[in-house]
Amino acid sequence: MPGLARRPAAVTGRRPYPRQLTQAWARAVYQDDPTGRHVDGIRYRSAYNSGLALALWDSEEHVVVVQDAAGAEQDFALRHRQMLGRLEAAMAARHIVITLLDPADCPQCGTDR
């Protein structure tokens, strides 16, 4: 993928690395430009079942919201009825428990679309 850096093979094993260290790696890639060219993010193995994950930086202006055939935006809150079941299934497969908060208890939560 153009613009994405991959972590070196030496650090992609299943051994967990301390968060402080992984944050330092991400900061170094973002700030120090070790590849000699612009990097939009990194692709790495996550701590959850060694699945692939992406970390993208400064990408807001490049995000495109998918639309259905009628032109309706398909940008849904994770607790939306069309998304929640998918999220729960994906997390259960990874043995990750999710807990929903009442939006009234979360000052940063918006309303479902």
PDB file of N, CA and C in Angstrom:
ATOM      1  N   MET A   1       0.850  -1.177   0.000  1.00  0.00           N
ATOM      2  CA  MET A   1       0.000   0.000   0.000  1.00  0.00           C
ATOM      3  C   MET A   1       0.896   1.240   0.000  1.00  0.00           C
ATOM      4  N   PRO A   2       0.743   2.101  -0.972  1.00  0.00           N
ATOM      5  CA  PRO A   2       1.577   3.300  -1.011  1.00  0.00           C
ATOM      6  C   PRO A   2       1.339   4.172   0.220  1.00  0.00           C
ATOM      7  N   GLY A   3       2.421   4.742   0.723  1.00  0.00           N
ATOM      8  CA  GLY A   3       2.305   5.660   1.847  1.00  0.00           C
ATOM      9  C   GLY A   3       2.216   4.991   3.202  1.00  0.00           C
ATOM     10  N   LEU A   4       2.248   3.653   3.239  1.00  0.00           N
ATOM     11  CA  LEU A   4       2.192   2.941   4.515  1.00  0.00           C
ATOM     12  C   LEU A   4       3.526   2.268   4.780  1.00  0.00           C
ATOM     13  N   ALA A   5       3.992   2.387   5.995  1.00  0.00           N
ATOM     14  CA  ALA A   5       5.227   1.698   6.387  1.00  0.00           C
ATOM     15  C   ALA A   5       4.851   0.400   7.074  1.00  0.00           C
ATOM     16  N   ARG A   6       5.627  -0.619   6.862  1.00  0.00           N
ATOM     17  CA  ARG A   6       5.404  -1.880   7.557  1.00  0.00           C
ATOM     18  C   ARG A   6       6.472  -2.024   8.623  1.00  0.00           C
ATOM     19  N   ARG A   7       6.055  -2.548   9.769  1.00  0.00           N
ATOM     20  CA  ARG A   7       7.035  -2.776  10.826  1.00  0.00           C
ATOM     21  C   ARG A   7       8.010  -3.839  10.351  1.00  0.00           C
ATOM     22  N   PRO A   8       9.269  -3.735  10.738  1.00  0.00           N
ATOM     23  CA  PRO A   8      10.248  -4.758  10.370  1.00  0.00           C
ATOM     24  C   PRO A   8       9.851  -6.123  10.912  1.00  0.00           C
ATOM     25  N   ALA A   9      10.254  -7.171  10.205  1.00  0.00           N
ATOM     26  CA  ALA A   9       9.891  -8.534  10.600  1.00  0.00           C
ATOM     27  C   ALA A   9      10.338  -8.854  12.023  1.00  0.00           C
ATOM     28  N   ALA A  10      11.412  -8.251  12.470  1.00  0.00           N
ATOM     29  CA  ALA A  10      11.931  -8.547  13.811  1.00  0.00           C
ATOM     30  C   ALA A  10      10.967  -8.141  14.918  1.00  0.00           C
ATOM     31  N   VAL A  11      10.014  -7.279  14.632  1.00  0.00           N
ATOM     32  CA  VAL A  11       9.105  -6.830  15.686  1.00  0.00           C
ATOM     33  C   VAL A  11       7.662  -7.237  15.426  1.00  0.00           C
ATOM     34  N   THR A  12       7.437  -8.174  14.539  1.00  0.00           N
ATOM     35  CA  THR A  12       6.062  -8.566  14.244  1.00  0.00           C
ATOM     36  C   THR A  12       5.693  -9.918  14.844  1.00  0.00           C
ATOM     37  N   GLY A  13       6.513 -10.440  15.738  1.00  0.00           N
ATOM     38  CA  GLY A  13       6.212 -11.727  16.352  1.00  0.00           C
ATOM     39  C   GLY A  13       5.029 -11.647  17.292  1.00  0.00           C
ATOM     40  N   ARG A  14       4.686 -12.754  17.893  1.00  0.00           N
ATOM     41  CA  ARG A  14       3.533 -12.813  18.793  1.00  0.00           C
ATOM     42  C   ARG A  14       3.866 -12.330  20.197  1.00  0.00           C
ATOM     43  N   ARG A  15       5.114 -12.082  20.487  1.00  0.00           N
ATOM     44  CA  ARG A  15       5.511 -11.626  21.815  1.00  0.00           C
ATOM     45  C   ARG A  15       4.965 -10.221  22.070  1.00  0.00           C
ATOM     46  N   PRO A  16       4.263  -9.999  23.181  1.00  0.00           N
ATOM     47  CA  PRO A  16       3.746  -8.652  23.443  1.00  0.00           C
ATOM     48  C   PRO A  16       4.869  -7.685  23.799  1.00  0.00           C
ATOM     49  N   TYR A  17       4.786  -6.491  23.291  1.00  0.00           N
ATOM     50  CA  TYR A  17       5.746  -5.446  23.601  1.00  0.00           C
ATOM     51  C   TYR A  17       5.071  -4.423  24.496  1.00  0.00           C
ATOM     52  N   PRO A  18       5.805  -3.818  25.415  1.00  0.00           N
ATOM     53  CA  PRO A  18       5.216  -2.815  26.303  1.00  0.00           C
ATOM     54  C   PRO A  18       4.645  -1.648  25.500  1.00  0.00           C
ATOM     55  N   ARG A  19       3.489  -1.157  25.927  1.00  0.00           N
ATOM     56  CA  ARG A  19       2.826  -0.055  25.222  1.00  0.00           C
ATOM     57  C   ARG A  19       3.756   1.155  25.076  1.00  0.00           C
ATOM     58  N   GLN A  20       4.545   1.439  26.100  1.00  0.00           N
ATOM     59  CA  GLN A  20       5.463   2.571  26.035  1.00  0.00           C
ATOM     60  C   GLN A  20       6.421   2.420  24.846  1.00  0.00           C
ATOM     61  N   LEU A  21       6.897   1.207  24.605  1.00  0.00           N
ATOM     62  CA  LEU A  21       7.805   0.953  23.497  1.00  0.00           C
ATOM     63  C   LEU A  21       7.093   1.094  22.150  1.00  0.00           C
ATOM     64  N   THR A  22       5.897   0.508  22.039  1.00  0.00           N
ATOM     65  CA  THR A  22       5.185   0.593  20.759  1.00  0.00           C
ATOM     66  C   THR A  22       4.777   2.039  20.453  1.00  0.00           C
ATOM     67  N   GLN A  23       4.446   2.817  21.485  1.00  0.00           N
ATOM     68  CA  GLN A  23       4.132   4.224  21.279  1.00  0.00           C
ATOM     69  C   GLN A  23       5.372   4.983  20.797  1.00  0.00           C
ATOM     70  N   ALA A  24       6.523   4.633  21.327  1.00  0.00           N
ATOM     71  CA  ALA A  24       7.771   5.269  20.892  1.00  0.00           C
ATOM     72  C   ALA A  24       8.064   4.941  19.432  1.00  0.00           C
ATOM     73  N   TRP A  25       7.805   3.702  19.013  1.00  0.00           N
ATOM     74  CA  TRP A  25       7.999   3.345  17.604  1.00  0.00           C
ATOM     75  C   TRP A  25       7.093   4.187  16.717  1.00  0.00           C
ATOM     76  N   ALA A  26       5.816   4.274  17.085  1.00  0.00           N
ATOM     77  CA  ALA A  26       4.863   5.045  16.273  1.00  0.00           C
ATOM     78  C   ALA A  26       5.282   6.512  16.211  1.00  0.00           C
ATOM     79  N   ARG A  27       5.688   7.064  17.337  1.00  0.00           N
ATOM     80  CA  ARG A  27       6.116   8.467  17.373  1.00  0.00           C
ATOM     81  C   ARG A  27       7.340   8.683  16.482  1.00  0.00           C
ATOM     82  N   ALA A  28       8.283   7.737  16.522  1.00  0.00           N
ATOM     83  CA  ALA A  28       9.492   7.851  15.701  1.00  0.00           C
ATOM     84  C   ALA A  28       9.157   7.821  14.214  1.00  0.00           C
ATOM     85  N   VAL A  29       8.261   6.917  13.805  1.00  0.00           N
ATOM     86  CA  VAL A  29       7.863   6.853  12.395  1.00  0.00           C
ATOM     87  C   VAL A  29       7.179   8.141  11.987  1.00  0.00           C
ATOM     88  N   TYR A  30       6.303   8.650  12.833  1.00  0.00           N
ATOM     89  CA  TYR A  30       5.542   9.863  12.518  1.00  0.00           C
ATOM     90  C   TYR A  30       6.443  11.098  12.489  1.00  0.00           C
ATOM     91  N   GLN A  31       7.319  11.248  13.466  1.00  0.00           N
ATOM     92  CA  GLN A  31       8.108  12.477  13.596  1.00  0.00           C
ATOM     93  C   GLN A  31       9.437  12.445  12.854  1.00  0.00           C
ATOM     94  N   ASP A  32      10.110  11.311  12.839  1.00  0.00           N
ATOM     95  CA  ASP A  32      11.474  11.261  12.328  1.00  0.00           C
ATOM     96  C   ASP A  32      11.575  10.932  10.843  1.00  0.00           C
ATOM     97  N   ASP A  33      10.496  10.484  10.224  1.00  0.00           N
ATOM     98  CA  ASP A  33      10.481  10.162   8.803  1.00  0.00           C
ATOM     99  C   ASP A  33      11.621   9.207   8.431  1.00  0.00           C
ATOM    100  N   PRO A  34      11.707   8.034   9.078  1.00  0.00           N
ATOM    101  CA  PRO A  34      12.844   7.143   8.860  1.00  0.00           C
ATOM    102  C   PRO A  34      12.893   6.522   7.466  1.00  0.00           C
ATOM    103  N   THR A  35      11.799   6.574   6.729  1.00  0.00           N
ATOM    104  CA  THR A  35      11.791   5.962   5.394  1.00  0.00           C
ATOM    105  C   THR A  35      12.339   6.895   4.333  1.00  0.00           C
ATOM    106  N   GLY A  36      12.489   8.180   4.679  1.00  0.00           N
ATOM    107  CA  GLY A  36      12.965   9.138   3.701  1.00  0.00           C
ATOM    108  C   GLY A  36      11.880   9.651   2.774  1.00  0.00           C
ATOM    109  N   ARG A  37      10.652   9.243   3.017  1.00  0.00           N
ATOM    110  CA  ARG A  37       9.512   9.742   2.243  1.00  0.00           C
ATOM    111  C   ARG A  37       8.308   9.850   3.174  1.00  0.00           C
ATOM    112  N   HIS A  38       7.285  10.534   2.726  1.00  0.00           N
ATOM    113  CA  HIS A  38       6.099  10.732   3.563  1.00  0.00           C
ATOM    114  C   HIS A  38       5.434   9.394   3.875  1.00  0.00           C
ATOM    115  N   VAL A  39       5.078   9.201   5.128  1.00  0.00           N
ATOM    116  CA  VAL A  39       4.380   7.990   5.565  1.00  0.00           C
ATOM    117  C   VAL A  39       3.017   8.405   6.103  1.00  0.00           C
ATOM    118  N   ASP A  40       1.957   7.800   5.575  1.00  0.00           N
ATOM    119  CA  ASP A  40       0.596   8.103   6.010  1.00  0.00           C
ATOM    120  C   ASP A  40       0.177   7.296   7.221  1.00  0.00           C
ATOM    121  N   GLY A  41       0.885   6.206   7.492  1.00  0.00           N
ATOM    122  CA  GLY A  41       0.522   5.361   8.619  1.00  0.00           C
ATOM    123  C   GLY A  41       1.356   4.101   8.619  1.00  0.00           C
ATOM    124  N   ILE A  42       0.986   3.184   9.499  1.00  0.00           N
ATOM    125  CA  ILE A  42       1.698   1.908   9.569  1.00  0.00           C
ATOM    126  C   ILE A  42       0.694   0.767   9.604  1.00  0.00           C
ATOM    127  N   ARG A  43       1.105  -0.375   9.084  1.00  0.00           N
ATOM    128  CA  ARG A  43       0.332  -1.605   9.160  1.00  0.00           C
ATOM    129  C   ARG A  43       1.102  -2.534  10.081  1.00  0.00           C
ATOM    130  N   TYR A  44       0.414  -3.128  11.038  1.00  0.00           N
ATOM    131  CA  TYR A  44       1.107  -3.949  12.033  1.00  0.00           C
ATOM    132  C   TYR A  44       0.203  -5.057  12.533  1.00  0.00           C
ATOM    133  N   ARG A  45       0.782  -6.002  13.228  1.00  0.00           N
ATOM    134  CA  ARG A  45       0.027  -7.078  13.874  1.00  0.00           C
ATOM    135  C   ARG A  45      -0.431  -6.573  15.228  1.00  0.00           C
ATOM    136  N   SER A  46      -1.725  -6.652  15.469  1.00  0.00           N
ATOM    137  CA  SER A  46      -2.265  -6.153  16.734  1.00  0.00           C
ATOM    138  C   SER A  46      -2.052  -7.179  17.843  1.00  0.00           C
ATOM    139  N   ALA A  47      -2.295  -6.740  19.067  1.00  0.00           N
ATOM    140  CA  ALA A  47      -2.178  -7.636  20.217  1.00  0.00           C
ATOM    141  C   ALA A  47      -3.332  -8.623  20.277  1.00  0.00           C
ATOM    142  N   TYR A  48      -4.395  -8.384  19.534  1.00  0.00           N
ATOM    143  CA  TYR A  48      -5.565  -9.256  19.554  1.00  0.00           C
ATOM    144  C   TYR A  48      -5.461 -10.283  18.450  1.00  0.00           C
ATOM    145  N   ASN A  49      -5.097 -11.501  18.800  1.00  0.00           N
ATOM    146  CA  ASN A  49      -4.999 -12.617  17.864  1.00  0.00           C
ATOM    147  C   ASN A  49      -4.060 -12.343  16.705  1.00  0.00           C
ATOM    148  N   SER A  50      -3.130 -11.439  16.886  1.00  0.00           N
ATOM    149  CA  SER A  50      -2.154 -11.087  15.853  1.00  0.00           C
ATOM    150  C   SER A  50      -2.809 -10.678  14.535  1.00  0.00           C
ATOM    151  N   GLY A  51      -4.001 -10.105  14.616  1.00  0.00           N
ATOM    152  CA  GLY A  51      -4.684  -9.619  13.416  1.00  0.00           C
ATOM    153  C   GLY A  51      -4.010  -8.368  12.877  1.00  0.00           C
ATOM    154  N   LEU A  52      -4.200  -8.098  11.595  1.00  0.00           N
ATOM    155  CA  LEU A  52      -3.623  -6.900  10.998  1.00  0.00           C
ATOM    156  C   LEU A  52      -4.398  -5.665  11.426  1.00  0.00           C
ATOM    157  N   ALA A  53      -3.677  -4.589  11.664  1.00  0.00           N
ATOM    158  CA  ALA A  53      -4.288  -3.318  12.054  1.00  0.00           C
ATOM    159  C   ALA A  53      -3.600  -2.192  11.288  1.00  0.00           C
ATOM    160  N   LEU A  54      -4.300  -1.087  11.140  1.00  0.00           N
ATOM    161  CA  LEU A  54      -3.747   0.106  10.505  1.00  0.00           C
ATOM    162  C   LEU A  54      -3.795   1.266  11.481  1.00  0.00           C
ATOM    163  N   ALA A  55      -2.746   2.058  11.491  1.00  0.00           N
ATOM    164  CA  ALA A  55      -2.733   3.326  12.212  1.00  0.00           C
ATOM    165  C   ALA A  55      -2.471   4.394  11.152  1.00  0.00           C
ATOM    166  N   LEU A  56      -3.425   5.285  10.955  1.00  0.00           N
ATOM    167  CA  LEU A  56      -3.298   6.338   9.944  1.00  0.00           C
ATOM    168  C   LEU A  56      -3.183   7.678  10.625  1.00  0.00           C
ATOM    169  N   TRP A  57      -2.325   8.547  10.094  1.00  0.00           N
ATOM    170  CA  TRP A  57      -2.109   9.861  10.681  1.00  0.00           C
ATOM    171  C   TRP A  57      -2.609  10.950   9.742  1.00  0.00           C
ATOM    172  N   ASP A  58      -3.206  11.981  10.324  1.00  0.00           N
ATOM    173  CA  ASP A  58      -3.606  13.176   9.576  1.00  0.00           C
ATOM    174  C   ASP A  58      -4.367  12.822   8.302  1.00  0.00           C
ATOM    175  N   SER A  59      -5.378  11.988   8.426  1.00  0.00           N
ATOM    176  CA  SER A  59      -6.080  11.496   7.240  1.00  0.00           C
ATOM    177  C   SER A  59      -7.511  12.000   7.113  1.00  0.00           C
ATOM    178  N   GLU A  60      -7.925  12.913   8.010  1.00  0.00           N
ATOM    179  CA  GLU A  60      -9.331  13.337   8.023  1.00  0.00           C
ATOM    180  C   GLU A  60      -9.821  13.833   6.667  1.00  0.00           C
ATOM    181  N   GLU A  61      -9.009  14.642   5.995  1.00  0.00           N
ATOM    182  CA  GLU A  61      -9.460  15.221   4.726  1.00  0.00           C
ATOM    183  C   GLU A  61      -9.527  14.199   3.601  1.00  0.00           C
ATOM    184  N   HIS A  62      -8.986  12.999   3.831  1.00  0.00           N
ATOM    185  CA  HIS A  62      -8.991  11.962   2.804  1.00  0.00           C
ATOM    186  C   HIS A  62     -10.085  10.918   3.014  1.00  0.00           C
ATOM    187  N   VAL A  63     -10.827  11.031   4.113  1.00  0.00           N
ATOM    188  CA  VAL A  63     -11.859  10.047   4.409  1.00  0.00           C
ATOM    189  C   VAL A  63     -13.077  10.301   3.524  1.00  0.00           C
ATOM    190  N   VAL A  64     -13.550   9.238   2.904  1.00  0.00           N
ATOM    191  CA  VAL A  64     -14.730   9.313   2.055  1.00  0.00           C
ATOM    192  C   VAL A  64     -15.812   8.442   2.691  1.00  0.00           C
ATOM    193  N   VAL A  65     -16.974   8.995   2.911  1.00  0.00           N
ATOM    194  CA  VAL A  65     -18.081   8.231   3.483  1.00  0.00           C
ATOM    195  C   VAL A  65     -18.776   7.478   2.349  1.00  0.00           C
ATOM    196  N   VAL A  66     -18.907   6.189   2.515  1.00  0.00           N
ATOM    197  CA  VAL A  66     -19.536   5.340   1.507  1.00  0.00           C
ATOM    198  C   VAL A  66     -21.019   5.678   1.418  1.00  0.00           C
ATOM    199  N   GLN A  67     -21.544   5.622   0.206  1.00  0.00           N
ATOM    200  CA  GLN A  67     -22.963   5.867  -0.019  1.00  0.00           C
ATOM    201  C   GLN A  67     -23.589   4.640  -0.659  1.00  0.00           C
ATOM    202  N   ASP A  68     -24.876   4.409  -0.364  1.00  0.00           N
ATOM    203  CA  ASP A  68     -25.565   3.297  -1.001  1.00  0.00           C
ATOM    204  C   ASP A  68     -26.002   3.718  -2.407  1.00  0.00           C
ATOM    205  N   ALA A  69     -26.691   2.832  -3.122  1.00  0.00           N
ATOM    206  CA  ALA A  69     -27.093   3.101  -4.507  1.00  0.00           C
ATOM    207  C   ALA A  69     -27.993   4.328  -4.624  1.00  0.00           C
ATOM    208  N   ALA A  70     -28.730   4.648  -3.555  1.00  0.00           N
ATOM    209  CA  ALA A  70     -29.628   5.806  -3.577  1.00  0.00           C
ATOM    210  C   ALA A  70     -28.912   7.095  -3.162  1.00  0.00           C
ATOM    211  N   GLY A  71     -27.634   7.001  -2.786  1.00  0.00           N
ATOM    212  CA  GLY A  71     -26.879   8.176  -2.398  1.00  0.00           C
ATOM    213  C   GLY A  71     -26.906   8.484  -0.914  1.00  0.00           C
ATOM    214  N   ALA A  72     -27.532   7.621  -0.113  1.00  0.00           N
ATOM    215  CA  ALA A  72     -27.583   7.841   1.340  1.00  0.00           C
ATOM    216  C   ALA A  72     -26.249   7.447   1.963  1.00  0.00           C
ATOM    217  N   GLU A  73     -25.709   8.318   2.836  1.00  0.00           N
ATOM    218  CA  GLU A  73     -24.444   8.019   3.493  1.00  0.00           C
ATOM    219  C   GLU A  73     -24.564   6.788   4.383  1.00  0.00           C
ATOM    220  N   GLN A  74     -23.533   5.985   4.389  1.00  0.00           N
ATOM    221  CA  GLN A  74     -23.493   4.757   5.176  1.00  0.00           C
ATOM    222  C   GLN A  74     -22.494   4.901   6.330  1.00  0.00           C
ATOM    223  N   ASP A  75     -22.590   6.004   7.043  1.00  0.00           N
ATOM    224  CA  ASP A  75     -21.713   6.307   8.174  1.00  0.00           C
ATOM    225  C   ASP A  75     -22.559   6.174   9.434  1.00  0.00           C
ATOM    226  N   PHE A  76     -22.361   5.089  10.176  1.00  0.00           N
ATOM    227  CA  PHE A  76     -23.212   4.788  11.313  1.00  0.00           C
ATOM    228  C   PHE A  76     -22.408   4.751  12.611  1.00  0.00           C
ATOM    229  N   ALA A  77     -23.033   5.134  13.695  1.00  0.00           N
ATOM    230  CA  ALA A  77     -22.440   4.952  15.018  1.00  0.00           C
ATOM    231  C   ALA A  77     -22.302   3.455  15.275  1.00  0.00           C
ATOM    232  N   LEU A  78     -21.307   3.049  16.052  1.00  0.00           N
ATOM    233  CA  LEU A  78     -21.106   1.625  16.307  1.00  0.00           C
ATOM    234  C   LEU A  78     -22.285   0.990  17.031  1.00  0.00           C
ATOM    235  N   ARG A  79     -23.056   1.771  17.787  1.00  0.00           N
ATOM    236  CA  ARG A  79     -24.199   1.186  18.485  1.00  0.00           C
ATOM    237  C   ARG A  79     -25.468   1.182  17.625  1.00  0.00           C
ATOM    238  N   HIS A  80     -25.378   1.677  16.397  1.00  0.00           N
ATOM    239  CA  HIS A  80     -26.523   1.679  15.473  1.00  0.00           C
ATOM    240  C   HIS A  80     -26.951   0.240  15.214  1.00  0.00           C
ATOM    241  N   ARG A  81     -28.250   0.015  15.049  1.00  0.00           N
ATOM    242  CA  ARG A  81     -28.777  -1.339  14.891  1.00  0.00           C
ATOM    243  C   ARG A  81     -28.144  -2.098  13.728  1.00  0.00           C
ATOM    244  N   GLN A  82     -27.671  -1.399  12.696  1.00  0.00           N
ATOM    245  CA  GLN A  82     -27.039  -2.078  11.564  1.00  0.00           C
ATOM    246  C   GLN A  82     -25.573  -2.413  11.831  1.00  0.00           C
ATOM    247  N   MET A  83     -24.999  -1.840  12.874  1.00  0.00           N
ATOM    248  CA  MET A  83     -23.582  -2.046  13.143  1.00  0.00           C
ATOM    249  C   MET A  83     -23.293  -2.873  14.389  1.00  0.00           C
ATOM    250  N   LEU A  84     -24.120  -2.731  15.411  1.00  0.00           N
ATOM    251  CA  LEU A  84     -23.820  -3.329  16.713  1.00  0.00           C
ATOM    252  C   LEU A  84     -23.638  -4.843  16.642  1.00  0.00           C
ATOM    253  N   GLY A  85     -24.498  -5.535  15.934  1.00  0.00           N
ATOM    254  CA  GLY A  85     -24.366  -6.994  15.811  1.00  0.00           C
ATOM    255  C   GLY A  85     -23.052  -7.394  15.167  1.00  0.00           C
ATOM    256  N   ARG A  86     -22.647  -6.658  14.150  1.00  0.00           N
ATOM    257  CA  ARG A  86     -21.373  -6.940  13.476  1.00  0.00           C
ATOM    258  C   ARG A  86     -20.204  -6.711  14.427  1.00  0.00           C
ATOM    259  N   LEU A  87     -20.275  -5.608  15.177  1.00  0.00           N
ATOM    260  CA  LEU A  87     -19.214  -5.303  16.140  1.00  0.00           C
ATOM    261  C   LEU A  87     -19.130  -6.386  17.206  1.00  0.00           C
ATOM    262  N   GLU A  88     -20.279  -6.775  17.767  1.00  0.00           N
ATOM    263  CA  GLU A  88     -20.299  -7.798  18.815  1.00  0.00           C
ATOM    264  C   GLU A  88     -19.734  -9.119  18.298  1.00  0.00           C
ATOM    265  N   ALA A  89     -20.097  -9.511  17.077  1.00  0.00           N
ATOM    266  CA  ALA A  89     -19.594 -10.765  16.510  1.00  0.00           C
ATOM    267  C   ALA A  89     -18.086 -10.704  16.287  1.00  0.00           C
ATOM    268  N   ALA A  90     -17.603  -9.598  15.767  1.00  0.00           N
ATOM    269  CA  ALA A  90     -16.166  -9.456  15.512  1.00  0.00           C
ATOM    270  C   ALA A  90     -15.379  -9.474  16.814  1.00  0.00           C
ATOM    271  N   MET A  91     -15.891  -8.829  17.831  1.00  0.00           N
ATOM    272  CA  MET A  91     -15.181  -8.793  19.107  1.00  0.00           C
ATOM    273  C   MET A  91     -15.260 -10.135  19.831  1.00  0.00           C
ATOM    274  N   ALA A  92     -16.402 -10.816  19.751  1.00  0.00           N
ATOM    275  CA  ALA A  92     -16.538 -12.132  20.384  1.00  0.00           C
ATOM    276  C   ALA A  92     -15.548 -13.120  19.776  1.00  0.00           C
ATOM    277  N   ALA A  93     -15.356 -13.050  18.460  1.00  0.00           N
ATOM    278  CA  ALA A  93     -14.400 -13.938  17.794  1.00  0.00           C
ATOM    279  C   ALA A  93     -12.979 -13.698  18.284  1.00  0.00           C
ATOM    280  N   ARG A  94     -12.733 -12.503  18.820  1.00  0.00           N
ATOM    281  CA  ARG A  94     -11.397 -12.158  19.321  1.00  0.00           C
ATOM    282  C   ARG A  94     -11.333 -12.215  20.852  1.00  0.00           C
ATOM    283  N   HIS A  95     -12.403 -12.727  21.451  1.00  0.00           N
ATOM    284  CA  HIS A  95     -12.504 -12.844  22.913  1.00  0.00           C
ATOM    285  C   HIS A  95     -12.384 -11.485  23.604  1.00  0.00           C
ATOM    286  N   ILE A  96     -12.973 -10.465  22.992  1.00  0.00           N
ATOM    287  CA  ILE A  96     -12.973  -9.118  23.550  1.00  0.00           C
ATOM    288  C   ILE A  96     -14.393  -8.794  23.982  1.00  0.00           C
ATOM    289  N   VAL A  97     -14.550  -8.430  25.234  1.00  0.00           N
ATOM    290  CA  VAL A  97     -15.861  -8.094  25.774  1.00  0.00           C
ATOM    291  C   VAL A  97     -16.107  -6.607  25.553  1.00  0.00           C
ATOM    292  N   ILE A  98     -17.280  -6.272  25.042  1.00  0.00           N
ATOM    293  CA  ILE A  98     -17.633  -4.860  24.889  1.00  0.00           C
ATOM    294  C   ILE A  98     -18.746  -4.525  25.868  1.00  0.00           C
ATOM    295  N   THR A  99     -18.736  -3.307  26.345  1.00  0.00           N
ATOM    296  CA  THR A  99     -19.761  -2.816  27.252  1.00  0.00           C
ATOM    297  C   THR A  99     -20.292  -1.513  26.686  1.00  0.00           C
ATOM    298  N   LEU A 100     -21.602  -1.442  26.512  1.00  0.00           N
ATOM    299  CA  LEU A 100     -22.211  -0.224  25.995  1.00  0.00           C
ATOM    300  C   LEU A 100     -22.521   0.726  27.140  1.00  0.00           C
ATOM    301  N   LEU A 101     -22.218   1.974  26.925  1.00  0.00           N
ATOM    302  CA  LEU A 101     -22.564   3.017  27.888  1.00  0.00           C
ATOM    303  C   LEU A 101     -23.821   3.713  27.409  1.00  0.00           C
ATOM    304  N   ASP A 102     -24.619   4.164  28.332  1.00  0.00           N
ATOM    305  CA  ASP A 102     -25.750   4.996  27.980  1.00  0.00           C
ATOM    306  C   ASP A 102     -25.182   6.327  27.491  1.00  0.00           C
ATOM    307  N   PRO A 103     -25.596   6.812  26.310  1.00  0.00           N
ATOM    308  CA  PRO A 103     -25.070   8.080  25.806  1.00  0.00           C
ATOM    309  C   PRO A 103     -25.200   9.227  26.808  1.00  0.00           C
ATOM    310  N   ALA A 104     -26.186   9.163  27.693  1.00  0.00           N
ATOM    311  CA  ALA A 104     -26.354  10.214  28.701  1.00  0.00           C
ATOM    312  C   ALA A 104     -25.192  10.218  29.697  1.00  0.00           C
ATOM    313  N   ASP A 105     -24.507   9.076  29.829  1.00  0.00           N
ATOM    314  CA  ASP A 105     -23.375   8.969  30.745  1.00  0.00           C
ATOM    315  C   ASP A 105     -22.043   9.321  30.080  1.00  0.00           C
ATOM    316  N   CYS A 106     -22.092   9.690  28.819  1.00  0.00           N
ATOM    317  CA  CYS A 106     -20.870   9.963  28.063  1.00  0.00           C
ATOM    318  C   CYS A 106     -20.978  11.328  27.400  1.00  0.00           C
ATOM    319  N   PRO A 107     -20.243  12.326  27.894  1.00  0.00           N
ATOM    320  CA  PRO A 107     -20.342  13.667  27.324  1.00  0.00           C
ATOM    321  C   PRO A 107     -19.851  13.766  25.881  1.00  0.00           C
ATOM    322  N   GLN A 108     -19.051  12.784  25.430  1.00  0.00           N
ATOM    323  CA  GLN A 108     -18.544  12.830  24.061  1.00  0.00           C
ATOM    324  C   GLN A 108     -19.418  12.049  23.079  1.00  0.00           C
ATOM    325  N   CYS A 109     -20.414  11.336  23.579  1.00  0.00           N
ATOM    326  CA  CYS A 109     -21.261  10.513  22.702  1.00  0.00           C
ATOM    327  C   CYS A 109     -22.291  11.387  21.990  1.00  0.00           C
ATOM    328  N   GLY A 110     -22.529  11.026  20.716  1.00  0.00           N
ATOM    329  CA  GLY A 110     -23.572  11.689  19.951  1.00  0.00           C
ATOM    330  C   GLY A 110     -24.794  10.787  19.874  1.00  0.00           C
ATOM    331  N   THR A 111     -25.745  11.185  19.130  1.00  0.00           N
ATOM    332  CA  THR A 111     -26.939  10.362  18.954  1.00  0.00           C
ATOM    333  C   THR A 111     -26.724   9.402  17.803  1.00  0.00           C
ATOM    334  N   ASP A 112     -27.431   8.294  17.829  1.00  0.00           N
ATOM    335  CA  ASP A 112     -27.389   7.341  16.717  1.00  0.00           C
ATOM    336  C   ASP A 112     -27.999   7.991  15.490  1.00  0.00           C
ATOM    337  N   ARG A 113     -27.497   7.576  14.360  1.00  0.00           N
ATOM    338  CA  ARG A 113     -28.050   8.090  13.098  1.00  0.00           C
ATOM    339  C   ARG A 113     -29.110   7.172  12.595  1.00  0.00           C
TER     340      ARG A 113
END
